[in-house]
Amino acid sequence: MDSVKVCDVKQLNEDVTVKLLVPELRLEMRDSFAAEIRAAVSIGTGTVTFDLTSLERIFSMFLGVLMDGIWQAKKNGRSVRIVLRPDMYEHFREMGIQNAAELVSRE
């Protein structure tokens, strides 16, 4: 089976956008996904934006990997933004994730 790309990384000046491409993460993709997130947050020196607007579901496994990416970025002095669909925004707020990053609801 071909490897599945789970995120797309774009760098604009010092800002990095990590756009997640896979609507549902499968367990066998976890290591690859975590490696891509870590590589993405190591690029540039400015703001890391996680664009989650294409995800259909949020799994606890995925949240753990995402939070690790946010922690790595903040540890390196980077600011972090998470762009969400409106229906995901309240879910993240309920979990207290607004304390970890700036949440932006995309209308």
N, C-alpha and C. Protein backbone atom coordinates (compact mmCIF):
# COMPACT_ATOMS: atom_id res chain seq x y z
N MET A 1 0.84 -1.19 0.00
CA MET A 1 0.00 0.00 0.00
C MET A 1 0.87 1.24 0.00
N ASP A 2 0.54 2.19 -0.84
CA ASP A 2 1.29 3.44 -0.88
C ASP A 2 1.10 4.21 0.42
N SER A 3 2.14 4.97 0.78
CA SER A 3 2.01 5.78 1.98
C SER A 3 1.01 6.91 1.72
N VAL A 4 0.29 7.27 2.75
CA VAL A 4 -0.74 8.31 2.62
C VAL A 4 -0.21 9.60 3.22
N LYS A 5 -0.27 10.66 2.46
CA LYS A 5 0.15 11.96 3.00
C LYS A 5 -0.97 12.49 3.87
N VAL A 6 -0.64 12.81 5.10
CA VAL A 6 -1.67 13.22 6.04
C VAL A 6 -1.73 14.72 6.26
N CYS A 7 -0.72 15.44 5.84
CA CYS A 7 -0.80 16.89 5.97
C CYS A 7 0.00 17.57 4.87
N ASP A 8 -0.34 18.80 4.62
CA ASP A 8 0.33 19.62 3.62
C ASP A 8 0.90 20.82 4.36
N VAL A 9 2.16 21.12 4.13
CA VAL A 9 2.82 22.21 4.84
C VAL A 9 3.21 23.30 3.86
N LYS A 10 2.82 24.52 4.17
CA LYS A 10 3.19 25.65 3.34
C LYS A 10 3.85 26.70 4.21
N GLN A 11 4.92 27.30 3.70
CA GLN A 11 5.59 28.36 4.45
C GLN A 11 5.41 29.67 3.71
N LEU A 12 4.85 30.66 4.40
CA LEU A 12 4.69 32.01 3.88
C LEU A 12 5.51 32.92 4.78
N ASN A 13 6.60 33.45 4.24
CA ASN A 13 7.54 34.23 5.05
C ASN A 13 7.98 33.37 6.24
N GLU A 14 7.73 33.84 7.46
CA GLU A 14 8.11 33.05 8.64
C GLU A 14 6.96 32.21 9.16
N ASP A 15 5.78 32.36 8.56
CA ASP A 15 4.61 31.62 9.04
C ASP A 15 4.48 30.28 8.33
N VAL A 16 4.04 29.30 9.06
CA VAL A 16 3.87 27.95 8.53
C VAL A 16 2.41 27.55 8.69
N THR A 17 1.81 27.06 7.63
CA THR A 17 0.45 26.53 7.70
C THR A 17 0.50 25.03 7.53
N VAL A 18 -0.09 24.32 8.47
CA VAL A 18 -0.20 22.87 8.40
C VAL A 18 -1.66 22.55 8.12
N LYS A 19 -1.94 22.11 6.91
CA LYS A 19 -3.31 21.76 6.55
C LYS A 19 -3.46 20.25 6.57
N LEU A 20 -4.39 19.77 7.37
CA LEU A 20 -4.60 18.34 7.49
C LEU A 20 -5.52 17.86 6.38
N LEU A 21 -5.10 16.80 5.69
CA LEU A 21 -5.79 16.36 4.49
C LEU A 21 -6.66 15.13 4.68
N VAL A 22 -6.50 14.44 5.78
CA VAL A 22 -7.18 13.16 5.96
C VAL A 22 -8.40 13.35 6.86
N PRO A 23 -9.60 13.05 6.36
CA PRO A 23 -10.79 13.25 7.18
C PRO A 23 -10.86 12.34 8.40
N GLU A 24 -10.40 11.11 8.26
CA GLU A 24 -10.42 10.19 9.39
C GLU A 24 -9.05 9.54 9.51
N LEU A 25 -8.44 9.69 10.67
CA LEU A 25 -7.13 9.10 10.88
C LEU A 25 -7.28 7.64 11.27
N ARG A 26 -6.44 6.81 10.70
CA ARG A 26 -6.46 5.39 11.04
C ARG A 26 -5.27 5.11 11.96
N LEU A 27 -5.42 4.12 12.79
CA LEU A 27 -4.40 3.82 13.78
C LEU A 27 -3.04 3.61 13.16
N GLU A 28 -2.98 2.94 12.00
CA GLU A 28 -1.69 2.64 11.38
C GLU A 28 -1.00 3.88 10.85
N MET A 29 -1.71 5.01 10.78
CA MET A 29 -1.11 6.24 10.27
C MET A 29 -0.52 7.10 11.38
N ARG A 30 -0.67 6.69 12.62
CA ARG A 30 -0.31 7.56 13.73
C ARG A 30 1.15 8.00 13.70
N ASP A 31 2.08 7.06 13.51
CA ASP A 31 3.50 7.41 13.55
C ASP A 31 3.87 8.35 12.42
N SER A 32 3.35 8.08 11.23
CA SER A 32 3.63 8.93 10.09
C SER A 32 3.07 10.33 10.32
N PHE A 33 1.86 10.40 10.85
CA PHE A 33 1.22 11.68 11.10
C PHE A 33 2.00 12.50 12.12
N ALA A 34 2.41 11.85 13.21
CA ALA A 34 3.17 12.55 14.25
C ALA A 34 4.48 13.08 13.69
N ALA A 35 5.14 12.29 12.85
CA ALA A 35 6.41 12.73 12.26
C ALA A 35 6.19 13.94 11.36
N GLU A 36 5.11 13.94 10.58
CA GLU A 36 4.84 15.08 9.70
C GLU A 36 4.52 16.34 10.50
N ILE A 37 3.76 16.19 11.58
CA ILE A 37 3.45 17.36 12.41
C ILE A 37 4.73 17.92 13.02
N ARG A 38 5.60 17.05 13.55
CA ARG A 38 6.85 17.53 14.15
C ARG A 38 7.73 18.23 13.11
N ALA A 39 7.79 17.68 11.90
CA ALA A 39 8.58 18.31 10.85
C ALA A 39 8.00 19.67 10.49
N ALA A 40 6.68 19.76 10.45
CA ALA A 40 6.04 21.02 10.08
C ALA A 40 6.33 22.12 11.09
N VAL A 41 6.28 21.80 12.38
CA VAL A 41 6.47 22.85 13.38
C VAL A 41 7.92 23.26 13.50
N SER A 42 8.83 22.52 12.87
CA SER A 42 10.25 22.89 12.93
C SER A 42 10.64 23.87 11.83
N ILE A 43 9.72 24.15 10.90
CA ILE A 43 10.02 25.05 9.78
C ILE A 43 9.76 26.49 10.19
N GLY A 44 10.66 27.40 9.84
CA GLY A 44 10.43 28.82 10.07
C GLY A 44 10.51 29.21 11.54
N THR A 45 10.20 30.47 11.80
CA THR A 45 10.34 30.99 13.16
C THR A 45 9.12 31.74 13.65
N GLY A 46 8.11 31.88 12.82
CA GLY A 46 6.96 32.72 13.18
C GLY A 46 5.80 31.95 13.75
N THR A 47 4.65 32.03 13.11
CA THR A 47 3.42 31.43 13.60
C THR A 47 3.15 30.11 12.89
N VAL A 48 2.75 29.11 13.67
CA VAL A 48 2.32 27.84 13.10
C VAL A 48 0.79 27.83 13.13
N THR A 49 0.17 27.65 11.97
CA THR A 49 -1.29 27.58 11.88
C THR A 49 -1.70 26.17 11.52
N PHE A 50 -2.48 25.54 12.39
CA PHE A 50 -3.04 24.23 12.10
C PHE A 50 -4.44 24.45 11.53
N ASP A 51 -4.64 24.08 10.27
CA ASP A 51 -5.94 24.24 9.62
C ASP A 51 -6.68 22.91 9.69
N LEU A 52 -7.67 22.84 10.56
CA LEU A 52 -8.40 21.60 10.78
C LEU A 52 -9.77 21.61 10.13
N THR A 53 -9.99 22.53 9.21
CA THR A 53 -11.33 22.71 8.67
C THR A 53 -11.79 21.54 7.80
N SER A 54 -10.87 20.67 7.39
CA SER A 54 -11.27 19.56 6.52
C SER A 54 -11.52 18.26 7.29
N LEU A 55 -11.24 18.25 8.57
CA LEU A 55 -11.41 17.01 9.33
C LEU A 55 -12.88 16.73 9.61
N GLU A 56 -13.27 15.48 9.45
CA GLU A 56 -14.65 15.08 9.71
C GLU A 56 -14.86 14.71 11.17
N ARG A 57 -13.86 14.14 11.78
CA ARG A 57 -13.98 13.70 13.17
C ARG A 57 -12.72 14.06 13.93
N ILE A 58 -12.86 14.12 15.24
CA ILE A 58 -11.70 14.37 16.10
C ILE A 58 -11.52 13.14 16.98
N PHE A 59 -10.38 12.49 16.87
CA PHE A 59 -10.10 11.33 17.70
C PHE A 59 -9.13 11.73 18.80
N SER A 60 -9.25 11.07 19.94
CA SER A 60 -8.34 11.39 21.05
C SER A 60 -6.90 11.15 20.64
N MET A 61 -6.65 10.13 19.84
CA MET A 61 -5.29 9.86 19.35
C MET A 61 -4.77 11.06 18.57
N PHE A 62 -5.61 11.60 17.69
CA PHE A 62 -5.22 12.74 16.88
C PHE A 62 -4.97 13.96 17.76
N LEU A 63 -5.83 14.19 18.75
CA LEU A 63 -5.66 15.35 19.62
C LEU A 63 -4.34 15.29 20.36
N GLY A 64 -3.95 14.08 20.79
CA GLY A 64 -2.67 13.95 21.48
C GLY A 64 -1.51 14.34 20.59
N VAL A 65 -1.54 13.91 19.33
CA VAL A 65 -0.48 14.25 18.38
C VAL A 65 -0.49 15.75 18.10
N LEU A 66 -1.69 16.32 17.92
CA LEU A 66 -1.79 17.75 17.67
C LEU A 66 -1.26 18.56 18.85
N MET A 67 -1.65 18.17 20.06
CA MET A 67 -1.19 18.90 21.24
C MET A 67 0.33 18.80 21.39
N ASP A 68 0.90 17.66 21.01
CA ASP A 68 2.35 17.53 21.03
C ASP A 68 2.99 18.51 20.04
N GLY A 69 2.38 18.65 18.87
CA GLY A 69 2.88 19.61 17.89
C GLY A 69 2.79 21.04 18.40
N ILE A 70 1.69 21.37 19.06
CA ILE A 70 1.52 22.71 19.64
C ILE A 70 2.57 22.94 20.72
N TRP A 71 2.78 21.94 21.58
CA TRP A 71 3.76 22.07 22.65
C TRP A 71 5.16 22.28 22.07
N GLN A 72 5.51 21.51 21.03
CA GLN A 72 6.83 21.65 20.40
C GLN A 72 7.01 23.06 19.84
N ALA A 73 5.98 23.57 19.18
CA ALA A 73 6.07 24.91 18.59
C ALA A 73 6.24 25.96 19.68
N LYS A 74 5.44 25.87 20.73
CA LYS A 74 5.53 26.85 21.81
C LYS A 74 6.87 26.75 22.54
N LYS A 75 7.39 25.53 22.66
CA LYS A 75 8.70 25.34 23.30
C LYS A 75 9.79 26.06 22.53
N ASN A 76 9.62 26.13 21.20
CA ASN A 76 10.58 26.82 20.35
C ASN A 76 10.27 28.30 20.18
N GLY A 77 9.36 28.83 21.01
CA GLY A 77 9.06 30.25 20.98
C GLY A 77 8.16 30.67 19.84
N ARG A 78 7.42 29.73 19.26
CA ARG A 78 6.54 30.04 18.14
C ARG A 78 5.13 30.32 18.65
N SER A 79 4.42 31.19 17.97
CA SER A 79 3.00 31.35 18.27
C SER A 79 2.22 30.32 17.46
N VAL A 80 1.05 29.93 17.97
CA VAL A 80 0.28 28.87 17.35
C VAL A 80 -1.17 29.32 17.18
N ARG A 81 -1.72 29.04 16.00
CA ARG A 81 -3.13 29.28 15.74
C ARG A 81 -3.75 27.97 15.29
N ILE A 82 -4.99 27.73 15.69
CA ILE A 82 -5.74 26.58 15.21
C ILE A 82 -6.99 27.11 14.53
N VAL A 83 -7.13 26.83 13.24
CA VAL A 83 -8.30 27.26 12.48
C VAL A 83 -9.27 26.09 12.41
N LEU A 84 -10.50 26.34 12.83
CA LEU A 84 -11.50 25.28 12.94
C LEU A 84 -12.75 25.61 12.16
N ARG A 85 -13.48 24.57 11.80
CA ARG A 85 -14.84 24.78 11.31
C ARG A 85 -15.69 25.21 12.51
N PRO A 86 -16.76 25.97 12.29
CA PRO A 86 -17.59 26.43 13.41
C PRO A 86 -18.09 25.29 14.30
N ASP A 87 -18.43 24.14 13.70
CA ASP A 87 -18.95 23.04 14.52
C ASP A 87 -17.88 22.39 15.38
N MET A 88 -16.62 22.61 15.06
CA MET A 88 -15.53 22.05 15.86
C MET A 88 -15.08 23.03 16.95
N TYR A 89 -15.38 24.30 16.76
CA TYR A 89 -14.87 25.35 17.64
C TYR A 89 -15.30 25.11 19.09
N GLU A 90 -16.61 24.92 19.30
CA GLU A 90 -17.10 24.72 20.67
C GLU A 90 -16.55 23.44 21.27
N HIS A 91 -16.37 22.41 20.45
CA HIS A 91 -15.82 21.15 20.95
C HIS A 91 -14.42 21.38 21.53
N PHE A 92 -13.59 22.12 20.82
CA PHE A 92 -12.25 22.40 21.31
C PHE A 92 -12.30 23.27 22.56
N ARG A 93 -13.17 24.26 22.57
CA ARG A 93 -13.28 25.13 23.75
C ARG A 93 -13.71 24.33 24.97
N GLU A 94 -14.65 23.41 24.78
CA GLU A 94 -15.12 22.59 25.90
C GLU A 94 -13.99 21.75 26.47
N MET A 95 -13.03 21.38 25.64
CA MET A 95 -11.91 20.57 26.10
C MET A 95 -10.80 21.42 26.70
N GLY A 96 -10.98 22.73 26.73
CA GLY A 96 -9.98 23.61 27.34
C GLY A 96 -8.80 23.89 26.46
N ILE A 97 -8.91 23.60 25.17
CA ILE A 97 -7.76 23.75 24.28
C ILE A 97 -7.50 25.21 23.94
N GLN A 98 -8.47 26.10 24.21
CA GLN A 98 -8.22 27.51 23.94
C GLN A 98 -7.05 28.03 24.77
N ASN A 99 -6.70 27.34 25.85
CA ASN A 99 -5.57 27.77 26.66
C ASN A 99 -4.24 27.43 26.01
N ALA A 100 -4.25 26.50 25.06
CA ALA A 100 -3.01 26.04 24.45
C ALA A 100 -2.65 26.83 23.20
N ALA A 101 -3.63 27.45 22.57
CA ALA A 101 -3.38 28.12 21.31
C ALA A 101 -4.51 29.10 21.02
N GLU A 102 -4.28 29.97 20.06
CA GLU A 102 -5.33 30.87 19.61
C GLU A 102 -6.26 30.09 18.68
N LEU A 103 -7.52 30.01 19.05
CA LEU A 103 -8.49 29.31 18.20
C LEU A 103 -9.19 30.30 17.29
N VAL A 104 -9.33 29.94 16.03
CA VAL A 104 -10.01 30.79 15.07
C VAL A 104 -11.10 29.96 14.41
N SER A 105 -12.33 30.43 14.48
CA SER A 105 -13.43 29.73 13.84
C SER A 105 -13.62 30.29 12.44
N ARG A 106 -13.50 29.43 11.44
CA ARG A 106 -13.68 29.86 10.06
C ARG A 106 -15.15 29.69 9.69
N GLU A 107 -15.78 30.79 9.35
CA GLU A 107 -17.22 30.75 9.01
C GLU A 107 -17.41 30.07 7.67
